[in-house]
Amino acid sequence: MNITTIIELENREVENLTGAKLVFTQEKVDPNIVELCVDCFKQEGSDECIDTEIAMQTVFEKLKAKGVIPEEVQDFSFEMPSCERLKTAEYNETYKPQKVVLTYST
């Protein structure tokens, strides 16, 4: 039997664990719809972009070190707040998707 655990993290929690900020790209689909996707993580104090896979591996390892994820767990998957369409006349920072989901099975 497999038991699947889902950990839902706020963007700021992921940013704190990685020491990097989520970078969103936006594309205006039409005048009333903006599509947002996570492009990468940007290391604080640097212009270097970190791939989401590498950043989420860091989150996974730090959660294991804190005992949130059991030490024997080796594999995980994740969902980034990506490609959400926002119906808005004007894009605003507060409209960014706010959840990152990490999943593992034991």
N, C-alpha and C. Protein backbone atom coordinates (compact mmCIF):
# COMPACT_ATOMS: atom_id res chain seq x y z
N MET A 1 0.84 -1.17 0.00
CA MET A 1 0.00 0.00 0.00
C MET A 1 0.89 1.24 0.00
N ASN A 2 0.58 2.19 -0.85
CA ASN A 2 1.27 3.48 -0.87
C ASN A 2 0.43 4.52 -0.17
N ILE A 3 1.08 5.34 0.60
CA ILE A 3 0.43 6.48 1.24
C ILE A 3 1.02 7.73 0.62
N THR A 4 0.15 8.58 0.06
CA THR A 4 0.61 9.80 -0.58
C THR A 4 0.36 10.97 0.36
N THR A 5 1.39 11.78 0.52
CA THR A 5 1.31 12.97 1.35
C THR A 5 1.44 14.20 0.47
N ILE A 6 0.59 15.16 0.72
CA ILE A 6 0.61 16.42 -0.03
C ILE A 6 0.99 17.54 0.94
N ILE A 7 1.99 18.30 0.57
CA ILE A 7 2.41 19.45 1.37
C ILE A 7 2.14 20.69 0.53
N GLU A 8 1.31 21.57 1.05
CA GLU A 8 0.98 22.80 0.35
C GLU A 8 1.75 23.94 1.01
N LEU A 9 2.53 24.65 0.21
CA LEU A 9 3.37 25.73 0.72
C LEU A 9 2.98 27.05 0.08
N GLU A 10 3.02 28.10 0.86
CA GLU A 10 2.83 29.44 0.32
C GLU A 10 4.08 29.81 -0.47
N ASN A 11 3.93 30.69 -1.46
CA ASN A 11 5.08 31.14 -2.24
C ASN A 11 6.21 31.63 -1.34
N ARG A 12 5.86 32.43 -0.34
CA ARG A 12 6.89 33.01 0.54
C ARG A 12 7.63 31.93 1.32
N GLU A 13 6.95 30.82 1.67
CA GLU A 13 7.62 29.72 2.36
C GLU A 13 8.65 29.06 1.45
N VAL A 14 8.28 28.87 0.19
CA VAL A 14 9.20 28.29 -0.79
C VAL A 14 10.37 29.24 -1.01
N GLU A 15 10.09 30.52 -1.10
CA GLU A 15 11.14 31.51 -1.30
C GLU A 15 12.10 31.53 -0.10
N ASN A 16 11.57 31.40 1.11
CA ASN A 16 12.42 31.35 2.30
C ASN A 16 13.30 30.10 2.32
N LEU A 17 12.75 28.97 1.92
CA LEU A 17 13.51 27.72 1.90
C LEU A 17 14.60 27.72 0.84
N THR A 18 14.35 28.38 -0.28
CA THR A 18 15.33 28.39 -1.38
C THR A 18 16.27 29.58 -1.32
N GLY A 19 15.87 30.64 -0.60
CA GLY A 19 16.66 31.86 -0.60
C GLY A 19 16.59 32.57 -1.94
N ALA A 20 15.50 32.31 -2.67
CA ALA A 20 15.33 32.89 -4.01
C ALA A 20 13.87 33.27 -4.21
N LYS A 21 13.63 34.21 -5.06
CA LYS A 21 12.28 34.69 -5.35
C LYS A 21 11.72 34.00 -6.59
N LEU A 22 10.43 33.70 -6.55
CA LEU A 22 9.75 33.18 -7.74
C LEU A 22 9.69 34.27 -8.79
N VAL A 23 10.01 33.92 -10.02
CA VAL A 23 9.92 34.87 -11.12
C VAL A 23 8.77 34.42 -12.02
N PHE A 24 7.79 35.29 -12.16
CA PHE A 24 6.64 35.00 -13.01
C PHE A 24 6.79 35.70 -14.35
N THR A 25 6.39 35.02 -15.39
CA THR A 25 6.29 35.68 -16.69
C THR A 25 4.81 35.90 -16.94
N GLN A 26 4.52 36.92 -17.67
CA GLN A 26 3.12 37.18 -17.97
C GLN A 26 2.95 37.43 -19.46
N GLU A 27 1.83 36.97 -19.95
CA GLU A 27 1.49 37.17 -21.35
C GLU A 27 0.04 37.61 -21.40
N LYS A 28 -0.20 38.67 -22.09
CA LYS A 28 -1.56 39.17 -22.22
C LYS A 28 -2.24 38.37 -23.33
N VAL A 29 -3.23 37.57 -22.97
CA VAL A 29 -3.95 36.74 -23.92
C VAL A 29 -4.90 37.60 -24.73
N ASP A 30 -5.59 38.47 -24.07
CA ASP A 30 -6.42 39.49 -24.71
C ASP A 30 -6.51 40.65 -23.73
N PRO A 31 -7.18 41.72 -24.06
CA PRO A 31 -7.16 42.88 -23.16
C PRO A 31 -7.65 42.60 -21.74
N ASN A 32 -8.42 41.54 -21.53
CA ASN A 32 -8.97 41.25 -20.20
C ASN A 32 -8.38 40.03 -19.52
N ILE A 33 -7.48 39.33 -20.18
CA ILE A 33 -6.93 38.10 -19.59
C ILE A 33 -5.41 38.13 -19.64
N VAL A 34 -4.79 37.89 -18.48
CA VAL A 34 -3.34 37.80 -18.37
C VAL A 34 -3.00 36.38 -17.94
N GLU A 35 -2.05 35.74 -18.62
CA GLU A 35 -1.62 34.40 -18.25
C GLU A 35 -0.29 34.50 -17.51
N LEU A 36 -0.23 33.94 -16.31
CA LEU A 36 0.98 33.96 -15.49
C LEU A 36 1.58 32.57 -15.39
N CYS A 37 2.90 32.47 -15.53
CA CYS A 37 3.60 31.20 -15.37
C CYS A 37 4.87 31.44 -14.56
N VAL A 38 5.27 30.46 -13.76
CA VAL A 38 6.55 30.55 -13.06
C VAL A 38 7.64 30.27 -14.08
N ASP A 39 8.56 31.21 -14.20
CA ASP A 39 9.66 31.07 -15.15
C ASP A 39 10.85 30.38 -14.48
N CYS A 40 11.23 30.88 -13.29
CA CYS A 40 12.37 30.34 -12.58
C CYS A 40 12.40 30.96 -11.18
N PHE A 41 13.47 30.72 -10.45
CA PHE A 41 13.72 31.37 -9.17
C PHE A 41 14.93 32.27 -9.37
N LYS A 42 14.90 33.44 -8.78
CA LYS A 42 16.02 34.35 -8.88
C LYS A 42 16.67 34.47 -7.51
N GLN A 43 17.96 34.10 -7.47
CA GLN A 43 18.73 34.15 -6.23
C GLN A 43 18.76 35.58 -5.72
N GLU A 44 18.51 35.75 -4.43
CA GLU A 44 18.52 37.09 -3.85
C GLU A 44 19.91 37.71 -4.01
N GLY A 45 19.94 38.96 -4.47
CA GLY A 45 21.19 39.67 -4.67
C GLY A 45 21.92 39.27 -5.94
N SER A 46 21.24 38.58 -6.83
CA SER A 46 21.86 38.12 -8.07
C SER A 46 20.85 38.18 -9.20
N ASP A 47 21.34 38.22 -10.42
CA ASP A 47 20.45 38.15 -11.58
C ASP A 47 20.36 36.73 -12.13
N GLU A 48 21.05 35.80 -11.48
CA GLU A 48 21.08 34.42 -11.93
C GLU A 48 19.74 33.74 -11.69
N CYS A 49 19.23 33.07 -12.72
CA CYS A 49 17.97 32.34 -12.63
C CYS A 49 18.26 30.88 -12.29
N ILE A 50 17.55 30.36 -11.30
CA ILE A 50 17.69 28.95 -10.90
C ILE A 50 16.49 28.19 -11.46
N ASP A 51 16.76 27.08 -12.10
CA ASP A 51 15.71 26.24 -12.66
C ASP A 51 14.76 25.77 -11.55
N THR A 52 13.47 25.67 -11.85
CA THR A 52 12.49 25.27 -10.84
C THR A 52 12.78 23.87 -10.28
N GLU A 53 13.29 22.97 -11.11
CA GLU A 53 13.61 21.60 -10.65
C GLU A 53 14.67 21.65 -9.55
N ILE A 54 15.70 22.45 -9.75
CA ILE A 54 16.79 22.57 -8.77
C ILE A 54 16.27 23.23 -7.49
N ALA A 55 15.49 24.29 -7.65
CA ALA A 55 14.95 25.00 -6.48
C ALA A 55 14.05 24.08 -5.66
N MET A 56 13.20 23.30 -6.32
CA MET A 56 12.29 22.41 -5.59
C MET A 56 13.04 21.24 -4.96
N GLN A 57 14.15 20.81 -5.54
CA GLN A 57 14.99 19.79 -4.90
C GLN A 57 15.55 20.34 -3.59
N THR A 58 15.92 21.62 -3.59
CA THR A 58 16.39 22.28 -2.37
C THR A 58 15.29 22.30 -1.31
N VAL A 59 14.06 22.63 -1.71
CA VAL A 59 12.92 22.63 -0.78
C VAL A 59 12.73 21.23 -0.19
N PHE A 60 12.74 20.23 -1.06
CA PHE A 60 12.58 18.83 -0.63
C PHE A 60 13.64 18.45 0.40
N GLU A 61 14.90 18.75 0.11
CA GLU A 61 16.00 18.39 1.01
C GLU A 61 15.90 19.13 2.35
N LYS A 62 15.51 20.39 2.32
CA LYS A 62 15.38 21.16 3.56
C LYS A 62 14.22 20.65 4.41
N LEU A 63 13.12 20.26 3.76
CA LEU A 63 11.99 19.69 4.51
C LEU A 63 12.36 18.34 5.12
N LYS A 64 13.18 17.56 4.42
CA LYS A 64 13.67 16.30 4.98
C LYS A 64 14.57 16.57 6.19
N ALA A 65 15.44 17.56 6.08
CA ALA A 65 16.35 17.90 7.17
C ALA A 65 15.60 18.36 8.41
N LYS A 66 14.45 19.02 8.21
CA LYS A 66 13.62 19.48 9.33
C LYS A 66 12.73 18.38 9.89
N GLY A 67 12.69 17.21 9.22
CA GLY A 67 11.86 16.10 9.68
C GLY A 67 10.43 16.16 9.20
N VAL A 68 10.11 17.10 8.33
CA VAL A 68 8.75 17.20 7.78
C VAL A 68 8.50 16.03 6.84
N ILE A 69 9.52 15.67 6.07
CA ILE A 69 9.46 14.54 5.14
C ILE A 69 10.37 13.45 5.71
N PRO A 70 9.89 12.21 5.79
CA PRO A 70 10.72 11.13 6.34
C PRO A 70 12.02 10.94 5.54
N GLU A 71 13.07 10.60 6.23
CA GLU A 71 14.40 10.45 5.63
C GLU A 71 14.43 9.42 4.50
N GLU A 72 13.61 8.36 4.61
CA GLU A 72 13.65 7.29 3.61
C GLU A 72 13.00 7.68 2.27
N VAL A 73 12.27 8.77 2.23
CA VAL A 73 11.61 9.20 0.99
C VAL A 73 12.68 9.73 0.03
N GLN A 74 12.66 9.21 -1.19
CA GLN A 74 13.65 9.61 -2.20
C GLN A 74 13.05 10.40 -3.36
N ASP A 75 11.81 10.10 -3.69
CA ASP A 75 11.18 10.71 -4.86
C ASP A 75 10.04 11.63 -4.45
N PHE A 76 9.83 12.67 -5.24
CA PHE A 76 8.74 13.59 -4.99
C PHE A 76 8.31 14.22 -6.31
N SER A 77 7.17 14.83 -6.29
CA SER A 77 6.72 15.61 -7.44
C SER A 77 6.24 16.95 -6.91
N PHE A 78 6.07 17.90 -7.81
CA PHE A 78 5.60 19.21 -7.37
C PHE A 78 4.79 19.88 -8.45
N GLU A 79 3.94 20.79 -8.02
CA GLU A 79 3.16 21.63 -8.91
C GLU A 79 3.46 23.08 -8.55
N MET A 80 3.86 23.82 -9.54
CA MET A 80 4.11 25.24 -9.33
C MET A 80 2.84 26.01 -9.69
N PRO A 81 2.69 27.19 -9.11
CA PRO A 81 1.55 28.02 -9.55
C PRO A 81 1.87 28.51 -10.96
N SER A 82 1.36 27.80 -11.94
CA SER A 82 1.78 28.14 -13.30
C SER A 82 0.61 28.23 -14.24
N CYS A 83 0.78 29.09 -15.18
CA CYS A 83 -0.15 29.27 -16.29
C CYS A 83 -1.60 29.45 -15.84
N GLU A 84 -1.77 30.25 -14.81
CA GLU A 84 -3.13 30.60 -14.40
C GLU A 84 -3.55 31.83 -15.17
N ARG A 85 -4.78 31.82 -15.59
CA ARG A 85 -5.29 32.97 -16.34
C ARG A 85 -6.08 33.87 -15.42
N LEU A 86 -5.73 35.11 -15.45
CA LEU A 86 -6.38 36.09 -14.59
C LEU A 86 -7.23 37.02 -15.43
N LYS A 87 -8.49 37.12 -15.10
CA LYS A 87 -9.39 38.05 -15.78
C LYS A 87 -9.32 39.36 -15.01
N THR A 88 -8.60 40.28 -15.55
CA THR A 88 -8.45 41.56 -14.87
C THR A 88 -8.14 42.64 -15.89
N ALA A 89 -8.62 43.81 -15.62
CA ALA A 89 -8.35 44.92 -16.52
C ALA A 89 -6.89 45.35 -16.40
N GLU A 90 -6.33 45.18 -15.21
CA GLU A 90 -4.95 45.58 -14.99
C GLU A 90 -4.27 44.58 -14.07
N TYR A 91 -3.12 44.07 -14.50
CA TYR A 91 -2.36 43.11 -13.69
C TYR A 91 -1.83 43.81 -12.44
N ASN A 92 -1.90 43.09 -11.32
CA ASN A 92 -1.43 43.63 -10.06
C ASN A 92 -0.67 42.53 -9.33
N GLU A 93 0.35 42.89 -8.59
CA GLU A 93 1.20 41.95 -7.87
C GLU A 93 0.40 41.02 -6.95
N THR A 94 -0.70 41.49 -6.39
CA THR A 94 -1.49 40.68 -5.47
C THR A 94 -2.23 39.55 -6.17
N TYR A 95 -2.28 39.54 -7.48
CA TYR A 95 -2.99 38.50 -8.22
C TYR A 95 -2.14 37.27 -8.49
N LYS A 96 -0.88 37.28 -8.08
CA LYS A 96 -0.01 36.13 -8.34
C LYS A 96 -0.58 34.89 -7.66
N PRO A 97 -0.54 33.74 -8.33
CA PRO A 97 -0.94 32.49 -7.68
C PRO A 97 -0.04 32.27 -6.46
N GLN A 98 -0.60 31.74 -5.37
CA GLN A 98 0.14 31.71 -4.11
C GLN A 98 0.48 30.35 -3.53
N LYS A 99 0.23 29.27 -4.22
CA LYS A 99 0.49 27.95 -3.61
C LYS A 99 1.45 27.12 -4.46
N VAL A 100 2.35 26.41 -3.78
CA VAL A 100 3.21 25.42 -4.39
C VAL A 100 2.87 24.10 -3.69
N VAL A 101 2.68 23.03 -4.46
CA VAL A 101 2.29 21.75 -3.88
C VAL A 101 3.39 20.74 -4.12
N LEU A 102 3.88 20.12 -3.05
CA LEU A 102 4.89 19.07 -3.12
C LEU A 102 4.24 17.78 -2.66
N THR A 103 4.45 16.69 -3.38
CA THR A 103 3.81 15.41 -3.08
C THR A 103 4.86 14.31 -3.03
N TYR A 104 4.70 13.38 -2.07
CA TYR A 104 5.55 12.20 -2.02
C TYR A 104 4.74 11.01 -1.53
N SER A 105 5.24 9.79 -1.83
CA SER A 105 4.58 8.56 -1.38
C SER A 105 5.52 7.76 -0.51
N THR A 106 4.91 7.06 0.47
CA THR A 106 5.70 6.17 1.33
C THR A 106 5.10 4.79 1.29
